[in-house]
Amino acid sequence: MIAVFEVRKEEYVNKTFRPKKELVDELAKCASENGISVNELVSQCCRYSLDNMEVKHPAGACGAL
């Protein structure tokens, strides 16, 4: 069977956050060193954090939607 390529459209939203300058500088350096955008790095960091956090509240309160 031949694999079928499926085009997927990701949904993005604009959201403003105000991290400290030192964190933004560190994220920018890391993103640059890895050849990705700061936006992509922040998205990956958030996903990893939510997927791997220790939950101390009722199930379903946060994490994967």
PDB file of N, CA and C in Angstrom:
ATOM      1  N   MET A   1       0.846  -1.183   0.000  1.00  0.00           N
ATOM      2  CA  MET A   1       0.000   0.000   0.000  1.00  0.00           C
ATOM      3  C   MET A   1       0.890   1.245   0.000  1.00  0.00           C
ATOM      4  N   ILE A   2       0.519   2.221  -0.786  1.00  0.00           N
ATOM      5  CA  ILE A   2       1.271   3.463  -0.895  1.00  0.00           C
ATOM      6  C   ILE A   2       0.820   4.423   0.205  1.00  0.00           C
ATOM      7  N   ALA A   3       1.794   5.024   0.879  1.00  0.00           N
ATOM      8  CA  ALA A   3       1.476   6.012   1.898  1.00  0.00           C
ATOM      9  C   ALA A   3       0.908   7.260   1.231  1.00  0.00           C
ATOM     10  N   VAL A   4      -0.098   7.838   1.839  1.00  0.00           N
ATOM     11  CA  VAL A   4      -0.752   9.026   1.285  1.00  0.00           C
ATOM     12  C   VAL A   4      -0.322  10.244   2.086  1.00  0.00           C
ATOM     13  N   PHE A   5       0.110  11.263   1.355  1.00  0.00           N
ATOM     14  CA  PHE A   5       0.474  12.524   1.997  1.00  0.00           C
ATOM     15  C   PHE A   5      -0.795  13.314   2.278  1.00  0.00           C
ATOM     16  N   GLU A   6      -0.939  13.758   3.514  1.00  0.00           N
ATOM     17  CA  GLU A   6      -2.106  14.542   3.900  1.00  0.00           C
ATOM     18  C   GLU A   6      -1.641  15.905   4.396  1.00  0.00           C
ATOM     19  N   VAL A   7      -2.115  16.963   3.783  1.00  0.00           N
ATOM     20  CA  VAL A   7      -1.776  18.313   4.206  1.00  0.00           C
ATOM     21  C   VAL A   7      -2.627  18.652   5.426  1.00  0.00           C
ATOM     22  N   ARG A   8      -1.951  19.113   6.474  1.00  0.00           N
ATOM     23  CA  ARG A   8      -2.662  19.469   7.706  1.00  0.00           C
ATOM     24  C   ARG A   8      -2.515  20.957   7.960  1.00  0.00           C
ATOM     25  N   LYS A   9      -3.581  21.564   8.373  1.00  0.00           N
ATOM     26  CA  LYS A   9      -3.545  22.985   8.709  1.00  0.00           C
ATOM     27  C   LYS A   9      -3.590  23.121  10.225  1.00  0.00           C
ATOM     28  N   GLU A  10      -2.504  23.642  10.785  1.00  0.00           N
ATOM     29  CA  GLU A  10      -2.444  23.866  12.223  1.00  0.00           C
ATOM     30  C   GLU A  10      -3.173  25.165  12.557  1.00  0.00           C
ATOM     31  N   GLU A  11      -3.794  25.206  13.699  1.00  0.00           N
ATOM     32  CA  GLU A  11      -4.460  26.429  14.147  1.00  0.00           C
ATOM     33  C   GLU A  11      -3.557  27.148  15.138  1.00  0.00           C
ATOM     34  N   TYR A  12      -3.312  28.411  14.894  1.00  0.00           N
ATOM     35  CA  TYR A  12      -2.483  29.220  15.771  1.00  0.00           C
ATOM     36  C   TYR A  12      -3.284  30.413  16.266  1.00  0.00           C
ATOM     37  N   VAL A  13      -2.897  30.926  17.422  1.00  0.00           N
ATOM     38  CA  VAL A  13      -3.513  32.141  17.963  1.00  0.00           C
ATOM     39  C   VAL A  13      -2.398  33.094  18.378  1.00  0.00           C
ATOM     40  N   ASN A  14      -2.699  34.376  18.370  1.00  0.00           N
ATOM     41  CA  ASN A  14      -1.771  35.373  18.878  1.00  0.00           C
ATOM     42  C   ASN A  14      -2.072  35.580  20.352  1.00  0.00           C
ATOM     43  N   LYS A  15      -1.041  35.498  21.172  1.00  0.00           N
ATOM     44  CA  LYS A  15      -1.183  35.679  22.609  1.00  0.00           C
ATOM     45  C   LYS A  15       0.038  36.427  23.096  1.00  0.00           C
ATOM     46  N   THR A  16      -0.145  37.396  23.962  1.00  0.00           N
ATOM     47  CA  THR A  16       0.971  38.182  24.470  1.00  0.00           C
ATOM     48  C   THR A  16       1.374  37.703  25.856  1.00  0.00           C
ATOM     49  N   PHE A  17       2.670  37.475  26.036  1.00  0.00           N
ATOM     50  CA  PHE A  17       3.237  37.124  27.331  1.00  0.00           C
ATOM     51  C   PHE A  17       4.339  38.126  27.627  1.00  0.00           C
ATOM     52  N   ARG A  18       4.678  38.296  28.886  1.00  0.00           N
ATOM     53  CA  ARG A  18       5.712  39.251  29.263  1.00  0.00           C
ATOM     54  C   ARG A  18       6.787  38.581  30.110  1.00  0.00           C
ATOM     55  N   PRO A  19       7.611  37.752  29.485  1.00  0.00           N
ATOM     56  CA  PRO A  19       8.703  37.118  30.246  1.00  0.00           C
ATOM     57  C   PRO A  19       9.828  38.116  30.510  1.00  0.00           C
ATOM     58  N   LYS A  20      10.661  37.804  31.479  1.00  0.00           N
ATOM     59  CA  LYS A  20      11.801  38.658  31.801  1.00  0.00           C
ATOM     60  C   LYS A  20      12.783  38.657  30.630  1.00  0.00           C
ATOM     61  N   LYS A  21      13.481  39.774  30.467  1.00  0.00           N
ATOM     62  CA  LYS A  21      14.426  39.952  29.367  1.00  0.00           C
ATOM     63  C   LYS A  21      15.464  38.843  29.330  1.00  0.00           C
ATOM     64  N   GLU A  22      15.979  38.449  30.488  1.00  0.00           N
ATOM     65  CA  GLU A  22      17.004  37.404  30.540  1.00  0.00           C
ATOM     66  C   GLU A  22      16.485  36.094  29.952  1.00  0.00           C
ATOM     67  N   LEU A  23      15.228  35.763  30.215  1.00  0.00           N
ATOM     68  CA  LEU A  23      14.636  34.536  29.677  1.00  0.00           C
ATOM     69  C   LEU A  23      14.483  34.644  28.161  1.00  0.00           C
ATOM     70  N   VAL A  24      14.023  35.790  27.692  1.00  0.00           N
ATOM     71  CA  VAL A  24      13.860  35.995  26.247  1.00  0.00           C
ATOM     72  C   VAL A  24      15.205  35.896  25.540  1.00  0.00           C
ATOM     73  N   ASP A  25      16.246  36.480  26.139  1.00  0.00           N
ATOM     74  CA  ASP A  25      17.586  36.403  25.547  1.00  0.00           C
ATOM     75  C   ASP A  25      18.063  34.949  25.480  1.00  0.00           C
ATOM     76  N   GLU A  26      17.829  34.194  26.537  1.00  0.00           N
ATOM     77  CA  GLU A  26      18.242  32.793  26.570  1.00  0.00           C
ATOM     78  C   GLU A  26      17.462  31.962  25.549  1.00  0.00           C
ATOM     79  N   LEU A  27      16.161  32.222  25.433  1.00  0.00           N
ATOM     80  CA  LEU A  27      15.344  31.515  24.447  1.00  0.00           C
ATOM     81  C   LEU A  27      15.802  31.843  23.027  1.00  0.00           C
ATOM     82  N   ALA A  28      16.097  33.112  22.768  1.00  0.00           N
ATOM     83  CA  ALA A  28      16.547  33.526  21.433  1.00  0.00           C
ATOM     84  C   ALA A  28      17.858  32.850  21.076  1.00  0.00           C
ATOM     85  N   LYS A  29      18.788  32.772  22.019  1.00  0.00           N
ATOM     86  CA  LYS A  29      20.074  32.118  21.774  1.00  0.00           C
ATOM     87  C   LYS A  29      19.869  30.636  21.484  1.00  0.00           C
ATOM     88  N   CYS A  30      19.070  29.977  22.293  1.00  0.00           N
ATOM     89  CA  CYS A  30      18.806  28.547  22.113  1.00  0.00           C
ATOM     90  C   CYS A  30      18.135  28.282  20.765  1.00  0.00           C
ATOM     91  N   ALA A  31      17.152  29.094  20.424  1.00  0.00           N
ATOM     92  CA  ALA A  31      16.444  28.925  19.151  1.00  0.00           C
ATOM     93  C   ALA A  31      17.411  29.102  17.983  1.00  0.00           C
ATOM     94  N   SER A  32      18.237  30.122  18.051  1.00  0.00           N
ATOM     95  CA  SER A  32      19.204  30.387  16.989  1.00  0.00           C
ATOM     96  C   SER A  32      20.188  29.228  16.832  1.00  0.00           C
ATOM     97  N   GLU A  33      20.670  28.718  17.941  1.00  0.00           N
ATOM     98  CA  GLU A  33      21.634  27.606  17.910  1.00  0.00           C
ATOM     99  C   GLU A  33      21.020  26.327  17.340  1.00  0.00           C
ATOM    100  N   ASN A  34      19.700  26.221  17.418  1.00  0.00           N
ATOM    101  CA  ASN A  34      19.022  25.017  16.940  1.00  0.00           C
ATOM    102  C   ASN A  34      18.282  25.227  15.625  1.00  0.00           C
ATOM    103  N   GLY A  35      18.418  26.410  15.031  1.00  0.00           N
ATOM    104  CA  GLY A  35      17.841  26.675  13.720  1.00  0.00           C
ATOM    105  C   GLY A  35      16.321  26.698  13.686  1.00  0.00           C
ATOM    106  N   ILE A  36      15.694  27.138  14.791  1.00  0.00           N
ATOM    107  CA  ILE A  36      14.235  27.260  14.833  1.00  0.00           C
ATOM    108  C   ILE A  36      13.868  28.647  15.333  1.00  0.00           C
ATOM    109  N   SER A  37      12.605  29.013  15.188  1.00  0.00           N
ATOM    110  CA  SER A  37      12.151  30.319  15.677  1.00  0.00           C
ATOM    111  C   SER A  37      11.943  30.270  17.186  1.00  0.00           C
ATOM    112  N   VAL A  38      11.987  31.435  17.809  1.00  0.00           N
ATOM    113  CA  VAL A  38      11.698  31.515  19.240  1.00  0.00           C
ATOM    114  C   VAL A  38      10.271  31.022  19.498  1.00  0.00           C
ATOM    115  N   ASN A  39       9.349  31.366  18.606  1.00  0.00           N
ATOM    116  CA  ASN A  39       7.969  30.923  18.751  1.00  0.00           C
ATOM    117  C   ASN A  39       7.877  29.395  18.787  1.00  0.00           C
ATOM    118  N   GLU A  40       8.574  28.730  17.883  1.00  0.00           N
ATOM    119  CA  GLU A  40       8.562  27.262  17.845  1.00  0.00           C
ATOM    120  C   GLU A  40       9.191  26.688  19.109  1.00  0.00           C
ATOM    121  N   LEU A  41      10.286  27.280  19.563  1.00  0.00           N
ATOM    122  CA  LEU A  41      10.930  26.809  20.795  1.00  0.00           C
ATOM    123  C   LEU A  41       9.995  26.946  21.986  1.00  0.00           C
ATOM    124  N   VAL A  42       9.348  28.101  22.123  1.00  0.00           N
ATOM    125  CA  VAL A  42       8.422  28.314  23.240  1.00  0.00           C
ATOM    126  C   VAL A  42       7.266  27.323  23.170  1.00  0.00           C
ATOM    127  N   SER A  43       6.731  27.085  21.981  1.00  0.00           N
ATOM    128  CA  SER A  43       5.649  26.109  21.817  1.00  0.00           C
ATOM    129  C   SER A  43       6.098  24.723  22.249  1.00  0.00           C
ATOM    130  N   GLN A  44       7.310  24.319  21.825  1.00  0.00           N
ATOM    131  CA  GLN A  44       7.822  23.005  22.196  1.00  0.00           C
ATOM    132  C   GLN A  44       8.068  22.910  23.700  1.00  0.00           C
ATOM    133  N   CYS A  45       8.600  23.973  24.294  1.00  0.00           N
ATOM    134  CA  CYS A  45       8.844  23.985  25.740  1.00  0.00           C
ATOM    135  C   CYS A  45       7.537  23.862  26.522  1.00  0.00           C
ATOM    136  N   CYS A  46       6.537  24.601  26.098  1.00  0.00           N
ATOM    137  CA  CYS A  46       5.234  24.540  26.777  1.00  0.00           C
ATOM    138  C   CYS A  46       4.610  23.157  26.651  1.00  0.00           C
ATOM    139  N   ARG A  47       4.652  22.576  25.445  1.00  0.00           N
ATOM    140  CA  ARG A  47       4.082  21.238  25.239  1.00  0.00           C
ATOM    141  C   ARG A  47       4.784  20.219  26.113  1.00  0.00           C
ATOM    142  N   TYR A  48       6.132  20.265  26.134  1.00  0.00           N
ATOM    143  CA  TYR A  48       6.907  19.334  26.953  1.00  0.00           C
ATOM    144  C   TYR A  48       6.553  19.500  28.433  1.00  0.00           C
ATOM    145  N   SER A  49       6.478  20.743  28.882  1.00  0.00           N
ATOM    146  CA  SER A  49       6.168  21.006  30.290  1.00  0.00           C
ATOM    147  C   SER A  49       4.794  20.476  30.676  1.00  0.00           C
ATOM    148  N   LEU A  50       3.797  20.733  29.857  1.00  0.00           N
ATOM    149  CA  LEU A  50       2.449  20.250  30.160  1.00  0.00           C
ATOM    150  C   LEU A  50       2.369  18.725  30.120  1.00  0.00           C
ATOM    151  N   ASP A  51       3.076  18.115  29.186  1.00  0.00           N
ATOM    152  CA  ASP A  51       3.049  16.656  29.068  1.00  0.00           C
ATOM    153  C   ASP A  51       3.795  15.955  30.191  1.00  0.00           C
ATOM    154  N   ASN A  52       4.736  16.657  30.836  1.00  0.00           N
ATOM    155  CA  ASN A  52       5.605  16.014  31.817  1.00  0.00           C
ATOM    156  C   ASN A  52       5.521  16.604  33.225  1.00  0.00           C
ATOM    157  N   MET A  53       4.552  17.458  33.465  1.00  0.00           N
ATOM    158  CA  MET A  53       4.454  18.076  34.785  1.00  0.00           C
ATOM    159  C   MET A  53       3.857  17.118  35.803  1.00  0.00           C
ATOM    160  N   GLU A  54       4.219  17.317  37.049  1.00  0.00           N
ATOM    161  CA  GLU A  54       3.643  16.556  38.144  1.00  0.00           C
ATOM    162  C   GLU A  54       2.326  17.223  38.511  1.00  0.00           C
ATOM    163  N   VAL A  55       1.236  16.484  38.364  1.00  0.00           N
ATOM    164  CA  VAL A  55      -0.086  17.045  38.584  1.00  0.00           C
ATOM    165  C   VAL A  55      -0.423  16.994  40.074  1.00  0.00           C
ATOM    166  N   LYS A  56      -0.781  18.155  40.642  1.00  0.00           N
ATOM    167  CA  LYS A  56      -1.133  18.257  42.057  1.00  0.00           C
ATOM    168  C   LYS A  56      -2.544  18.807  42.222  1.00  0.00           C
ATOM    169  N   HIS A  57      -3.421  18.510  41.254  1.00  0.00           N
ATOM    170  CA  HIS A  57      -4.780  19.005  41.284  1.00  0.00           C
ATOM    171  C   HIS A  57      -5.670  17.965  40.638  1.00  0.00           C
ATOM    172  N   PRO A  58      -6.978  18.129  40.685  1.00  0.00           N
ATOM    173  CA  PRO A  58      -7.891  17.128  40.097  1.00  0.00           C
ATOM    174  C   PRO A  58      -7.621  16.871  38.621  1.00  0.00           C
ATOM    175  N   ALA A  59      -7.883  15.655  38.208  1.00  0.00           N
ATOM    176  CA  ALA A  59      -7.685  15.272  36.807  1.00  0.00           C
ATOM    177  C   ALA A  59      -8.481  16.168  35.869  1.00  0.00           C
ATOM    178  N   GLY A  60      -7.866  16.491  34.758  1.00  0.00           N
ATOM    179  CA  GLY A  60      -8.537  17.281  33.735  1.00  0.00           C
ATOM    180  C   GLY A  60      -8.466  18.790  33.948  1.00  0.00           C
ATOM    181  N   ALA A  61      -7.837  19.237  35.042  1.00  0.00           N
ATOM    182  CA  ALA A  61      -7.791  20.673  35.310  1.00  0.00           C
ATOM    183  C   ALA A  61      -6.864  21.410  34.342  1.00  0.00           C
ATOM    184  N   CYS A  62      -5.823  20.746  33.869  1.00  0.00           N
ATOM    185  CA  CYS A  62      -4.952  21.330  32.854  1.00  0.00           C
ATOM    186  C   CYS A  62      -4.186  20.210  32.175  1.00  0.00           C
ATOM    187  N   GLY A  63      -3.330  20.577  31.244  1.00  0.00           N
ATOM    188  CA  GLY A  63      -2.596  19.556  30.495  1.00  0.00           C
ATOM    189  C   GLY A  63      -3.221  19.366  29.146  1.00  0.00           C
ATOM    190  N   ALA A  64      -3.097  18.174  28.597  1.00  0.00           N
ATOM    191  CA  ALA A  64      -3.591  17.904  27.246  1.00  0.00           C
ATOM    192  C   ALA A  64      -5.075  18.165  27.153  1.00  0.00           C
ATOM    193  N   LEU A  65      -5.461  18.846  26.072  1.00  0.00           N
ATOM    194  CA  LEU A  65      -6.877  19.149  25.854  1.00  0.00           C
ATOM    195  C   LEU A  65      -7.509  18.102  25.003  1.00  0.00           C
TER     196      LEU A  65
END
